[in-house]
Amino acid sequence: MKDSEPLKILEMNVEEIITEAELEDVLASLSKSERELRAYVGFEPSGSVHIGHLPILNTLRELQRLGFQVIVLLADMHAYLNEKGSFEQIRETADYNKRCFAASGLSEETEFIYGSSYQMDEEYMMNVLRLATITTEKRARRSMDEVSRSTEDRKVSQAIYPLMQAVDIAYLNIDIAVGGIDQRKIHMLARDNLPKLGFKAPICIHTPLLIGLDGDKMSSSLRNYIAVDEPEESLEQKLMSAFCPPKIAEGNPVLQIYKHVIFPSPELSGEVTIERSAKYGGNVSYERYERLELDYVQGKVHPSDLKTNAVRSLNEVLEPIRKRLR
């Protein structure tokens, strides 16, 4: 299984694949399949599209390159259920998010779908109710642990949310569900319970979650992120003031940007160079993130050099997106 080149590429910047064996079978069948194989991600329209979205979007781009039809669900109904504002505000944000996702480099064949366009259909809602009869209240509640806006005194809407997400996968005839690792419990609910209703279980690809520039959870409300259309001056200011403890990799948001955004970026090829004066050792280049992390932990790379070069490299990653949004 590990000899599969497409699988190796997909594994490069993901947290887990459930299951690798199923994905290998699907990849092997791509050229022979009589129907279009479909991969999707669902995004709640909420605030800015930021660099924390890029690991997911890059995975979708790779799936497109392999021949999958990619569906991006603009989950406006889910955002409403998760208390993200009025429906009018959410729809306005969804329209903007759509432009950002398209500008990230997804192909023109990408299918963007608003959840509200079908989630009130009789057949869809009947399947949500059918799923509710075989899903425990405890599991529905626990599925929302990582994505719920409210952590106390939760609303009934937040138990409906994961059921709808599972039915989205069935309704849209999805073969591969892509999402951040915070989507794992919802995806596992779908894998376990959709077959009981006569639908196939999706393969799931989970990408890592980036931490915020302050070392806390990345959040639109905390503004501890870099937007995909962040102006250069603002990007530099944010990165140069980011939390970046010397010789420490764990919980270091600048190193995470190198690991999950800069090194895997399709816009950058080959090695990443840390430019510095000869007084401090001169330029040093890295083909793999792991070597950069090791040098940083050993004190061979200074935090200021790490940040300065992150500014340059991240601007290279984001400039094509900025241009497409102008």
C-alpha atoms as a PDB file:
ATOM      1  CA  MET A   1       0.000   0.000   0.000  1.00  0.00           C
ATOM      2  CA  LYS A   2       2.819   2.408   0.814  1.00  0.00           C
ATOM      3  CA  ASP A   3       4.138   2.043  -2.763  1.00  0.00           C
ATOM      4  CA  SER A   4       1.211   4.116  -4.041  1.00  0.00           C
ATOM      5  CA  GLU A   5       2.615   7.516  -5.117  1.00  0.00           C
ATOM      6  CA  PRO A   6      -0.768   9.322  -4.966  1.00  0.00           C
ATOM      7  CA  LEU A   7      -1.315   8.000  -1.442  1.00  0.00           C
ATOM      8  CA  LYS A   8       2.164   9.142  -0.366  1.00  0.00           C
ATOM      9  CA  ILE A   9       1.441  12.651  -1.638  1.00  0.00           C
ATOM     10  CA  LEU A  10      -1.944  12.793   0.106  1.00  0.00           C
ATOM     11  CA  GLU A  11      -0.374  11.631   3.365  1.00  0.00           C
ATOM     12  CA  MET A  12       2.231  14.395   3.404  1.00  0.00           C
ATOM     13  CA  ASN A  13       0.272  17.010   5.327  1.00  0.00           C
ATOM     14  CA  VAL A  14      -2.670  15.206   6.895  1.00  0.00           C
ATOM     15  CA  GLU A  15      -3.337  14.102  10.456  1.00  0.00           C
ATOM     16  CA  GLU A  16      -4.988  10.814   9.527  1.00  0.00           C
ATOM     17  CA  ILE A  17      -6.758   8.904   6.759  1.00  0.00           C
ATOM     18  CA  ILE A  18      -9.651   6.599   7.644  1.00  0.00           C
ATOM     19  CA  THR A  19      -8.863   4.232   6.201  1.00  0.00           C
ATOM     20  CA  GLU A  20      -5.711   4.100   4.081  1.00  0.00           C
ATOM     21  CA  ALA A  21      -6.730   0.726   2.651  1.00  0.00           C
ATOM     22  CA  GLU A  22     -10.081   2.099   1.452  1.00  0.00           C
ATOM     23  CA  LEU A  23      -8.396   5.165  -0.037  1.00  0.00           C
ATOM     24  CA  GLU A  24      -5.857   2.993  -1.849  1.00  0.00           C
ATOM     25  CA  ASP A  25      -8.704   0.974  -3.393  1.00  0.00           C
ATOM     26  CA  VAL A  26     -10.481   4.137  -4.544  1.00  0.00           C
ATOM     27  CA  LEU A  27      -7.293   5.598  -6.008  1.00  0.00           C
ATOM     28  CA  ALA A  28      -6.675   2.342  -7.884  1.00  0.00           C
ATOM     29  CA  SER A  29     -10.202   2.456  -9.318  1.00  0.00           C
ATOM     30  CA  LEU A  30     -10.145   6.087 -10.485  1.00  0.00           C
ATOM     31  CA  SER A  31      -9.301   5.367 -14.117  1.00  0.00           C
ATOM     32  CA  LYS A  32     -11.767   2.459 -14.304  1.00  0.00           C
ATOM     33  CA  SER A  33     -14.698   3.982 -12.450  1.00  0.00           C
ATOM     34  CA  GLU A  34     -17.936   4.278 -14.415  1.00  0.00           C
ATOM     35  CA  ARG A  35     -19.030   7.244 -12.349  1.00  0.00           C
ATOM     36  CA  GLU A  36     -17.463  10.475 -11.155  1.00  0.00           C
ATOM     37  CA  LEU A  37     -15.700  10.030  -7.794  1.00  0.00           C
ATOM     38  CA  ARG A  38     -16.463  12.877  -5.424  1.00  0.00           C
ATOM     39  CA  ALA A  39     -14.583  14.554  -2.563  1.00  0.00           C
ATOM     40  CA  TYR A  40     -15.985  17.325  -0.429  1.00  0.00           C
ATOM     41  CA  VAL A  41     -15.397  19.681   2.446  1.00  0.00           C
ATOM     42  CA  GLY A  42     -18.016  21.629   4.359  1.00  0.00           C
ATOM     43  CA  PHE A  43     -17.098  25.113   5.606  1.00  0.00           C
ATOM     44  CA  GLU A  44     -19.215  27.125   8.023  1.00  0.00           C
ATOM     45  CA  PRO A  45     -19.218  30.691   6.695  1.00  0.00           C
ATOM     46  CA  SER A  46     -17.603  32.534   9.577  1.00  0.00           C
ATOM     47  CA  GLY A  47     -15.254  35.506   9.429  1.00  0.00           C
ATOM     48  CA  SER A  48     -12.157  35.504   7.262  1.00  0.00           C
ATOM     49  CA  VAL A  49     -10.662  32.657   5.293  1.00  0.00           C
ATOM     50  CA  HIS A  50      -7.209  32.289   6.846  1.00  0.00           C
ATOM     51  CA  ILE A  51      -4.058  30.216   6.464  1.00  0.00           C
ATOM     52  CA  GLY A  52      -5.568  27.581   8.769  1.00  0.00           C
ATOM     53  CA  HIS A  53      -7.798  26.660   5.812  1.00  0.00           C
ATOM     54  CA  LEU A  54      -4.886  26.056   3.441  1.00  0.00           C
ATOM     55  CA  PRO A  55      -3.993  22.474   4.501  1.00  0.00           C
ATOM     56  CA  ILE A  56      -7.569  21.443   3.629  1.00  0.00           C
ATOM     57  CA  LEU A  57      -7.627  23.417   0.376  1.00  0.00           C
ATOM     58  CA  ASN A  58      -4.254  21.995  -0.696  1.00  0.00           C
ATOM     59  CA  THR A  59      -5.564  18.472  -0.047  1.00  0.00           C
ATOM     60  CA  LEU A  60      -8.574  19.237  -2.253  1.00  0.00           C
ATOM     61  CA  ARG A  61      -6.297  20.571  -4.970  1.00  0.00           C
ATOM     62  CA  GLU A  62      -4.337  17.320  -4.910  1.00  0.00           C
ATOM     63  CA  LEU A  63      -7.552  15.291  -5.105  1.00  0.00           C
ATOM     64  CA  GLN A  64      -8.582  17.372  -8.121  1.00  0.00           C
ATOM     65  CA  ARG A  65      -5.222  16.684  -9.742  1.00  0.00           C
ATOM     66  CA  LEU A  66      -5.849  12.971  -9.249  1.00  0.00           C
ATOM     67  CA  GLY A  67      -9.235  13.225 -10.981  1.00  0.00           C
ATOM     68  CA  PHE A  68     -11.823  13.698  -8.225  1.00  0.00           C
ATOM     69  CA  GLN A  69     -14.725  16.086  -8.591  1.00  0.00           C
ATOM     70  CA  VAL A  70     -14.462  18.465  -5.629  1.00  0.00           C
ATOM     71  CA  ILE A  71     -17.488  19.907  -3.870  1.00  0.00           C
ATOM     72  CA  VAL A  72     -17.176  22.788  -1.417  1.00  0.00           C
ATOM     73  CA  LEU A  73     -20.263  23.017   0.761  1.00  0.00           C
ATOM     74  CA  LEU A  74     -20.882  26.548   2.009  1.00  0.00           C
ATOM     75  CA  ALA A  75     -22.716  25.407   5.118  1.00  0.00           C
ATOM     76  CA  ASP A  76     -24.906  28.425   5.774  1.00  0.00           C
ATOM     77  CA  MET A  77     -27.605  26.405   7.540  1.00  0.00           C
ATOM     78  CA  HIS A  78     -24.994  24.817   9.800  1.00  0.00           C
ATOM     79  CA  ALA A  79     -23.587  28.242  10.682  1.00  0.00           C
ATOM     80  CA  TYR A  80     -27.087  29.368  11.603  1.00  0.00           C
ATOM     81  CA  LEU A  81     -27.592  26.328  13.831  1.00  0.00           C
ATOM     82  CA  ASN A  82     -24.212  27.035  15.452  1.00  0.00           C
ATOM     83  CA  GLU A  83     -25.212  30.615  16.375  1.00  0.00           C
ATOM     84  CA  LYS A  84     -22.936  32.381  13.892  1.00  0.00           C
ATOM     85  CA  GLY A  85     -25.339  35.242  13.206  1.00  0.00           C
ATOM     86  CA  SER A  86     -28.489  36.025  11.270  1.00  0.00           C
ATOM     87  CA  PHE A  87     -29.113  34.123   8.069  1.00  0.00           C
ATOM     88  CA  GLU A  88     -28.584  37.300   6.033  1.00  0.00           C
ATOM     89  CA  GLN A  89     -25.191  37.959   7.683  1.00  0.00           C
ATOM     90  CA  ILE A  90     -24.143  34.338   7.191  1.00  0.00           C
ATOM     91  CA  ARG A  91     -25.073  34.360   3.506  1.00  0.00           C
ATOM     92  CA  GLU A  92     -23.068  37.547   2.918  1.00  0.00           C
ATOM     93  CA  THR A  93     -20.046  35.942   4.590  1.00  0.00           C
ATOM     94  CA  ALA A  94     -20.580  32.751   2.560  1.00  0.00           C
ATOM     95  CA  ASP A  95     -20.428  34.710  -0.698  1.00  0.00           C
ATOM     96  CA  TYR A  96     -17.114  36.278   0.347  1.00  0.00           C
ATOM     97  CA  ASN A  97     -15.715  32.928   1.564  1.00  0.00           C
ATOM     98  CA  LYS A  98     -16.608  31.393  -1.799  1.00  0.00           C
ATOM     99  CA  ARG A  99     -14.448  33.959  -3.587  1.00  0.00           C
ATOM    100  CA  CYS A 100     -11.523  33.244  -1.247  1.00  0.00           C
ATOM    101  CA  PHE A 101     -11.797  29.463  -1.654  1.00  0.00           C
ATOM    102  CA  ALA A 102     -11.922  29.816  -5.433  1.00  0.00           C
ATOM    103  CA  ALA A 103      -8.904  32.129  -5.354  1.00  0.00           C
ATOM    104  CA  SER A 104      -6.887  29.582  -3.348  1.00  0.00           C
ATOM    105  CA  GLY A 105      -6.161  27.668  -6.538  1.00  0.00           C
ATOM    106  CA  LEU A 106      -9.048  25.214  -6.788  1.00  0.00           C
ATOM    107  CA  SER A 107      -9.863  24.437 -10.406  1.00  0.00           C
ATOM    108  CA  GLU A 108     -12.736  26.030 -12.296  1.00  0.00           C
ATOM    109  CA  GLU A 109     -14.565  22.691 -12.158  1.00  0.00           C
ATOM    110  CA  THR A 110     -14.974  22.999  -8.364  1.00  0.00           C
ATOM    111  CA  GLU A 111     -18.644  22.808  -7.413  1.00  0.00           C
ATOM    112  CA  PHE A 112     -19.708  25.309  -4.757  1.00  0.00           C
ATOM    113  CA  ILE A 113     -23.019  24.453  -3.083  1.00  0.00           C
ATOM    114  CA  TYR A 114     -24.952  26.389  -0.454  1.00  0.00           C
ATOM    115  CA  GLY A 115     -26.435  24.084   2.167  1.00  0.00           C
ATOM    116  CA  SER A 116     -29.686  26.038   2.130  1.00  0.00           C
ATOM    117  CA  SER A 117     -30.151  25.110  -1.546  1.00  0.00           C
ATOM    118  CA  TYR A 118     -31.201  21.549  -0.619  1.00  0.00           C
ATOM    119  CA  GLN A 119     -31.299  21.074   3.147  1.00  0.00           C
ATOM    120  CA  MET A 120     -35.019  21.761   3.416  1.00  0.00           C
ATOM    121  CA  ASP A 121     -35.912  19.176   0.765  1.00  0.00           C
ATOM    122  CA  GLU A 122     -38.347  16.530   1.990  1.00  0.00           C
ATOM    123  CA  GLU A 123     -36.074  13.588   1.177  1.00  0.00           C
ATOM    124  CA  TYR A 124     -33.096  15.215   2.895  1.00  0.00           C
ATOM    125  CA  MET A 125     -35.020  16.048   6.072  1.00  0.00           C
ATOM    126  CA  MET A 126     -36.535  12.569   6.168  1.00  0.00           C
ATOM    127  CA  ASN A 127     -33.029  11.100   6.212  1.00  0.00           C
ATOM    128  CA  VAL A 128     -32.003  13.490   9.011  1.00  0.00           C
ATOM    129  CA  LEU A 129     -34.961  12.202  11.028  1.00  0.00           C
ATOM    130  CA  ARG A 130     -34.118   8.584  10.178  1.00  0.00           C
ATOM    131  CA  LEU A 131     -30.557   9.169  11.339  1.00  0.00           C
ATOM    132  CA  ALA A 132     -31.884  10.729  14.546  1.00  0.00           C
ATOM    133  CA  THR A 133     -33.696   7.488  15.395  1.00  0.00           C
ATOM    134  CA  ILE A 134     -30.434   5.501  15.458  1.00  0.00           C
ATOM    135  CA  THR A 135     -28.090   8.115  16.959  1.00  0.00           C
ATOM    136  CA  THR A 136     -27.919   8.541  20.718  1.00  0.00           C
ATOM    137  CA  GLU A 137     -28.298  11.999  22.201  1.00  0.00           C
ATOM    138  CA  LYS A 138     -24.934  11.544  23.923  1.00  0.00           C
ATOM    139  CA  ARG A 139     -23.132  10.806  20.651  1.00  0.00           C
ATOM    140  CA  ALA A 140     -24.739  13.715  18.816  1.00  0.00           C
ATOM    141  CA  ARG A 141     -23.727  16.035  21.646  1.00  0.00           C
ATOM    142  CA  ARG A 142     -20.176  14.687  21.831  1.00  0.00           C
ATOM    143  CA  SER A 143     -19.785  15.012  18.060  1.00  0.00           C
ATOM    144  CA  MET A 144     -20.075  18.764  18.512  1.00  0.00           C
ATOM    145  CA  ASP A 145     -17.430  19.065  21.242  1.00  0.00           C
ATOM    146  CA  GLU A 146     -14.756  20.513  18.945  1.00  0.00           C
ATOM    147  CA  VAL A 147     -16.908  22.672  16.664  1.00  0.00           C
ATOM    148  CA  SER A 148     -19.653  24.039  18.889  1.00  0.00           C
ATOM    149  CA  ARG A 149     -19.785  27.787  19.468  1.00  0.00           C
ATOM    150  CA  SER A 150     -21.422  27.269  22.859  1.00  0.00           C
ATOM    151  CA  THR A 151     -19.756  25.008  25.397  1.00  0.00           C
ATOM    152  CA  GLU A 152     -22.374  25.488  28.116  1.00  0.00           C
ATOM    153  CA  ASP A 153     -26.169  25.413  27.994  1.00  0.00           C
ATOM    154  CA  ARG A 154     -26.089  24.126  24.423  1.00  0.00           C
ATOM    155  CA  LYS A 155     -29.058  24.478  22.128  1.00  0.00           C
ATOM    156  CA  VAL A 156     -30.983  21.599  20.532  1.00  0.00           C
ATOM    157  CA  SER A 157     -29.726  22.937  17.157  1.00  0.00           C
ATOM    158  CA  GLN A 158     -26.247  21.735  18.047  1.00  0.00           C
ATOM    159  CA  ALA A 159     -27.456  18.149  18.269  1.00  0.00           C
ATOM    160  CA  ILE A 160     -29.123  18.469  14.846  1.00  0.00           C
ATOM    161  CA  TYR A 161     -25.938  19.873  13.303  1.00  0.00           C
ATOM    162  CA  PRO A 162     -23.866  16.621  13.153  1.00  0.00           C
ATOM    163  CA  LEU A 163     -26.860  14.652  11.839  1.00  0.00           C
ATOM    164  CA  MET A 164     -27.236  17.106   8.977  1.00  0.00           C
ATOM    165  CA  GLN A 165     -23.512  16.966   8.237  1.00  0.00           C
ATOM    166  CA  ALA A 166     -23.652  13.171   7.999  1.00  0.00           C
ATOM    167  CA  VAL A 167     -26.681  13.331   5.688  1.00  0.00           C
ATOM    168  CA  ASP A 168     -24.871  15.947   3.548  1.00  0.00           C
ATOM    169  CA  ILE A 169     -22.259  13.281   2.806  1.00  0.00           C
ATOM    170  CA  ALA A 170     -24.944  10.810   1.741  1.00  0.00           C
ATOM    171  CA  TYR A 171     -27.101  13.331  -0.148  1.00  0.00           C
ATOM    172  CA  LEU A 172     -24.156  14.665  -2.148  1.00  0.00           C
ATOM    173  CA  ASN A 173     -22.943  11.109  -2.897  1.00  0.00           C
ATOM    174  CA  ILE A 174     -19.517  11.759  -1.411  1.00  0.00           C
ATOM    175  CA  ASP A 175     -16.695   9.222  -1.582  1.00  0.00           C
ATOM    176  CA  ILE A 176     -14.115  11.198   0.432  1.00  0.00           C
ATOM    177  CA  ALA A 177     -14.932  13.652   3.216  1.00  0.00           C
ATOM    178  CA  VAL A 178     -12.112  16.118   3.926  1.00  0.00           C
ATOM    179  CA  GLY A 179     -11.928  18.277   7.039  1.00  0.00           C
ATOM    180  CA  GLY A 180      -9.835  19.438   9.948  1.00  0.00           C
ATOM    181  CA  ILE A 181      -9.172  16.973  12.743  1.00  0.00           C
ATOM    182  CA  ASP A 182     -11.908  18.763  14.729  1.00  0.00           C
ATOM    183  CA  GLN A 183     -14.409  17.119  12.344  1.00  0.00           C
ATOM    184  CA  ARG A 184     -13.347  13.598  13.325  1.00  0.00           C
ATOM    185  CA  LYS A 185     -16.232  12.754  15.684  1.00  0.00           C
ATOM    186  CA  ILE A 186     -18.850  13.910  13.170  1.00  0.00           C
ATOM    187  CA  HIS A 187     -17.202  11.956  10.372  1.00  0.00           C
ATOM    188  CA  MET A 188     -17.046   8.840  12.562  1.00  0.00           C
ATOM    189  CA  LEU A 189     -20.754   9.208  13.268  1.00  0.00           C
ATOM    190  CA  ALA A 190     -21.307   9.264   9.497  1.00  0.00           C
ATOM    191  CA  ARG A 191     -19.104   6.213   8.913  1.00  0.00           C
ATOM    192  CA  ASP A 192     -20.835   4.211  11.639  1.00  0.00           C
ATOM    193  CA  ASN A 193     -24.457   5.158  11.014  1.00  0.00           C
ATOM    194  CA  LEU A 194     -24.927   5.979   7.326  1.00  0.00           C
ATOM    195  CA  PRO A 195     -24.558   2.303   6.272  1.00  0.00           C
ATOM    196  CA  LYS A 196     -27.428   1.460   8.634  1.00  0.00           C
ATOM    197  CA  LEU A 197     -29.623   3.679   6.442  1.00  0.00           C
ATOM    198  CA  GLY A 198     -28.379   2.101   3.212  1.00  0.00           C
ATOM    199  CA  PHE A 199     -25.698   4.671   2.327  1.00  0.00           C
ATOM    200  CA  LYS A 200     -21.967   4.086   1.882  1.00  0.00           C
ATOM    201  CA  ALA A 201     -19.471   5.031   4.584  1.00  0.00           C
ATOM    202  CA  PRO A 202     -17.175   7.878   3.467  1.00  0.00           C
ATOM    203  CA  ILE A 203     -13.414   7.714   3.474  1.00  0.00           C
ATOM    204  CA  CYS A 204     -12.211  10.513   5.745  1.00  0.00           C
ATOM    205  CA  ILE A 205      -9.097  12.663   5.397  1.00  0.00           C
ATOM    206  CA  HIS A 206      -8.320  14.883   8.382  1.00  0.00           C
ATOM    207  CA  THR A 207      -5.858  17.752   8.261  1.00  0.00           C
ATOM    208  CA  PRO A 208      -4.081  19.374  11.239  1.00  0.00           C
ATOM    209  CA  LEU A 209      -5.385  22.485  12.963  1.00  0.00           C
ATOM    210  CA  LEU A 210      -3.047  25.464  13.127  1.00  0.00           C
ATOM    211  CA  ILE A 211      -2.739  27.280  16.426  1.00  0.00           C
ATOM    212  CA  GLY A 212      -3.154  31.044  16.562  1.00  0.00           C
ATOM    213  CA  LEU A 213      -0.273  33.502  16.396  1.00  0.00           C
ATOM    214  CA  ASP A 214      -0.595  34.036  20.143  1.00  0.00           C
ATOM    215  CA  GLY A 215      -0.229  30.310  20.859  1.00  0.00           C
ATOM    216  CA  ASP A 216      -3.962  29.909  21.570  1.00  0.00           C
ATOM    217  CA  LYS A 217      -6.593  28.276  19.346  1.00  0.00           C
ATOM    218  CA  MET A 218      -6.842  30.010  15.969  1.00  0.00           C
ATOM    219  CA  SER A 219     -10.129  31.887  15.895  1.00  0.00           C
ATOM    220  CA  SER A 220     -11.778  34.580  13.810  1.00  0.00           C
ATOM    221  CA  SER A 221     -13.135  36.175  16.975  1.00  0.00           C
ATOM    222  CA  LEU A 222      -9.643  36.414  18.526  1.00  0.00           C
ATOM    223  CA  ARG A 223      -8.141  37.735  15.266  1.00  0.00           C
ATOM    224  CA  ASN A 224      -5.003  35.671  15.955  1.00  0.00           C
ATOM    225  CA  TYR A 225      -4.719  34.510  12.361  1.00  0.00           C
ATOM    226  CA  ILE A 226      -3.379  35.596   8.980  1.00  0.00           C
ATOM    227  CA  ALA A 227      -6.066  35.918   6.328  1.00  0.00           C
ATOM    228  CA  VAL A 228      -5.412  34.527   2.857  1.00  0.00           C
ATOM    229  CA  ASP A 229      -5.781  38.085   1.542  1.00  0.00           C
ATOM    230  CA  GLU A 230      -3.771  39.691   4.376  1.00  0.00           C
ATOM    231  CA  PRO A 231      -1.881  42.752   3.079  1.00  0.00           C
ATOM    232  CA  GLU A 232       1.915  42.395   3.133  1.00  0.00           C
ATOM    233  CA  GLU A 233       2.440  45.104   5.757  1.00  0.00           C
ATOM    234  CA  SER A 234      -0.137  43.579   8.099  1.00  0.00           C
ATOM    235  CA  LEU A 235       1.229  40.054   7.539  1.00  0.00           C
ATOM    236  CA  GLU A 236       4.718  41.209   8.500  1.00  0.00           C
ATOM    237  CA  GLN A 237       3.477  42.990  11.604  1.00  0.00           C
ATOM    238  CA  LYS A 238       1.516  39.955  12.769  1.00  0.00           C
ATOM    239  CA  LEU A 239       4.275  37.432  12.135  1.00  0.00           C
ATOM    240  CA  MET A 240       7.064  39.496  13.671  1.00  0.00           C
ATOM    241  CA  SER A 241       5.029  39.876  16.872  1.00  0.00           C
ATOM    242  CA  ALA A 242       3.892  36.230  16.955  1.00  0.00           C
ATOM    243  CA  PHE A 243       4.599  33.938  19.899  1.00  0.00           C
ATOM    244  CA  CYS A 244       7.836  32.091  19.023  1.00  0.00           C
ATOM    245  CA  PRO A 245       9.748  30.756  22.055  1.00  0.00           C
ATOM    246  CA  PRO A 246      13.438  30.022  21.361  1.00  0.00           C
ATOM    247  CA  LYS A 247      14.439  26.349  20.969  1.00  0.00           C
ATOM    248  CA  ILE A 248      10.824  25.169  21.448  1.00  0.00           C
ATOM    249  CA  ALA A 249       8.823  23.496  18.691  1.00  0.00           C
ATOM    250  CA  GLU A 250       5.678  22.391  20.518  1.00  0.00           C
ATOM    251  CA  GLY A 251       3.015  25.081  20.503  1.00  0.00           C
ATOM    252  CA  ASN A 252       5.132  27.339  18.304  1.00  0.00           C
ATOM    253  CA  PRO A 253       2.788  28.923  15.714  1.00  0.00           C
ATOM    254  CA  VAL A 254       5.602  30.144  13.453  1.00  0.00           C
ATOM    255  CA  LEU A 255       7.055  26.653  13.102  1.00  0.00           C
ATOM    256  CA  GLN A 256       3.541  25.345  12.452  1.00  0.00           C
ATOM    257  CA  ILE A 257       3.209  27.762   9.545  1.00  0.00           C
ATOM    258  CA  TYR A 258       6.415  26.369   8.065  1.00  0.00           C
ATOM    259  CA  LYS A 259       5.265  22.785   8.605  1.00  0.00           C
ATOM    260  CA  HIS A 260       1.678  23.003   7.381  1.00  0.00           C
ATOM    261  CA  VAL A 261       1.609  25.984   5.001  1.00  0.00           C
ATOM    262  CA  ILE A 262       5.040  26.893   3.627  1.00  0.00           C
ATOM    263  CA  PHE A 263       6.719  23.520   3.036  1.00  0.00           C
ATOM    264  CA  PRO A 264       3.640  21.768   1.521  1.00  0.00           C
ATOM    265  CA  SER A 265       2.560  24.748  -0.581  1.00  0.00           C
ATOM    266  CA  PRO A 266       2.091  24.000  -4.300  1.00  0.00           C
ATOM    267  CA  GLU A 267       3.215  27.609  -4.952  1.00  0.00           C
ATOM    268  CA  LEU A 268       6.691  26.876  -3.562  1.00  0.00           C
ATOM    269  CA  SER A 269       8.860  24.145  -5.001  1.00  0.00           C
ATOM    270  CA  GLY A 270      12.076  22.647  -3.752  1.00  0.00           C
ATOM    271  CA  GLU A 271      13.834  23.925  -0.669  1.00  0.00           C
ATOM    272  CA  VAL A 272      13.049  26.675   1.821  1.00  0.00           C
ATOM    273  CA  THR A 273      15.920  29.055   2.534  1.00  0.00           C
ATOM    274  CA  ILE A 274      16.528  30.916   5.784  1.00  0.00           C
ATOM    275  CA  GLU A 275      18.324  34.070   4.715  1.00  0.00           C
ATOM    276  CA  ARG A 276      20.615  35.674   7.297  1.00  0.00           C
ATOM    277  CA  SER A 277      23.879  37.609   7.435  1.00  0.00           C
ATOM    278  CA  ALA A 278      27.232  35.859   7.347  1.00  0.00           C
ATOM    279  CA  LYS A 279      27.767  37.119  10.895  1.00  0.00           C
ATOM    280  CA  TYR A 280      25.061  34.703  12.067  1.00  0.00           C
ATOM    281  CA  GLY A 281      26.043  31.753   9.896  1.00  0.00           C
ATOM    282  CA  GLY A 282      24.856  32.835   6.449  1.00  0.00           C
ATOM    283  CA  ASN A 283      21.976  31.416   4.456  1.00  0.00           C
ATOM    284  CA  VAL A 284      20.859  27.851   5.122  1.00  0.00           C
ATOM    285  CA  SER A 285      18.447  25.818   3.004  1.00  0.00           C
ATOM    286  CA  TYR A 286      16.106  22.986   3.941  1.00  0.00           C
ATOM    287  CA  GLU A 287      14.396  20.421   1.764  1.00  0.00           C
ATOM    288  CA  ARG A 288      12.345  19.051   4.653  1.00  0.00           C
ATOM    289  CA  TYR A 289      10.581  20.711   7.560  1.00  0.00           C
ATOM    290  CA  GLU A 290      11.941  18.207  10.081  1.00  0.00           C
ATOM    291  CA  ARG A 291      15.500  19.435   9.548  1.00  0.00           C
ATOM    292  CA  LEU A 292      14.485  23.060  10.092  1.00  0.00           C
ATOM    293  CA  GLU A 293      12.708  22.135  13.316  1.00  0.00           C
ATOM    294  CA  LEU A 294      15.763  20.224  14.570  1.00  0.00           C
ATOM    295  CA  ASP A 295      18.080  23.181  13.890  1.00  0.00           C
ATOM    296  CA  TYR A 296      15.645  25.540  15.626  1.00  0.00           C
ATOM    297  CA  VAL A 297      15.355  23.349  18.726  1.00  0.00           C
ATOM    298  CA  GLN A 298      19.148  23.097  18.869  1.00  0.00           C
ATOM    299  CA  GLY A 299      19.440  26.882  18.761  1.00  0.00           C
ATOM    300  CA  LYS A 300      21.034  26.991  15.292  1.00  0.00           C
ATOM    301  CA  VAL A 301      18.197  29.173  13.941  1.00  0.00           C
ATOM    302  CA  HIS A 302      17.191  32.315  15.853  1.00  0.00           C
ATOM    303  CA  PRO A 303      13.480  33.227  16.306  1.00  0.00           C
ATOM    304  CA  SER A 304      13.948  36.565  14.510  1.00  0.00           C
ATOM    305  CA  ASP A 305      15.469  34.814  11.475  1.00  0.00           C
ATOM    306  CA  LEU A 306      12.681  32.238  11.543  1.00  0.00           C
ATOM    307  CA  LYS A 307      10.050  34.994  11.557  1.00  0.00           C
ATOM    308  CA  THR A 308      11.718  37.221   8.957  1.00  0.00           C
ATOM    309  CA  ASN A 309      11.956  34.394   6.460  1.00  0.00           C
ATOM    310  CA  ALA A 310       8.432  33.193   7.273  1.00  0.00           C
ATOM    311  CA  VAL A 311       7.215  36.643   6.204  1.00  0.00           C
ATOM    312  CA  ARG A 312       8.970  36.314   2.834  1.00  0.00           C
ATOM    313  CA  SER A 313       7.878  32.719   2.173  1.00  0.00           C
ATOM    314  CA  LEU A 314       4.289  33.201   3.310  1.00  0.00           C
ATOM    315  CA  ASN A 315       3.956  36.259   1.094  1.00  0.00           C
ATOM    316  CA  GLU A 316       5.035  34.073  -1.843  1.00  0.00           C
ATOM    317  CA  VAL A 317       2.310  31.577  -0.943  1.00  0.00           C
ATOM    318  CA  LEU A 318      -0.419  34.201  -0.565  1.00  0.00           C
ATOM    319  CA  GLU A 319       0.411  36.583  -3.413  1.00  0.00           C
ATOM    320  CA  PRO A 320      -1.354  34.462  -6.094  1.00  0.00           C
ATOM    321  CA  ILE A 321      -4.473  34.423  -3.905  1.00  0.00           C
ATOM    322  CA  ARG A 322      -4.335  38.200  -3.400  1.00  0.00           C
ATOM    323  CA  LYS A 323      -4.015  38.712  -7.159  1.00  0.00           C
ATOM    324  CA  ARG A 324      -7.037  36.524  -7.914  1.00  0.00           C
ATOM    325  CA  LEU A 325      -9.124  38.488  -5.390  1.00  0.00           C
ATOM    326  CA  ARG A 326      -8.247  41.919  -6.774  1.00  0.00           C
END
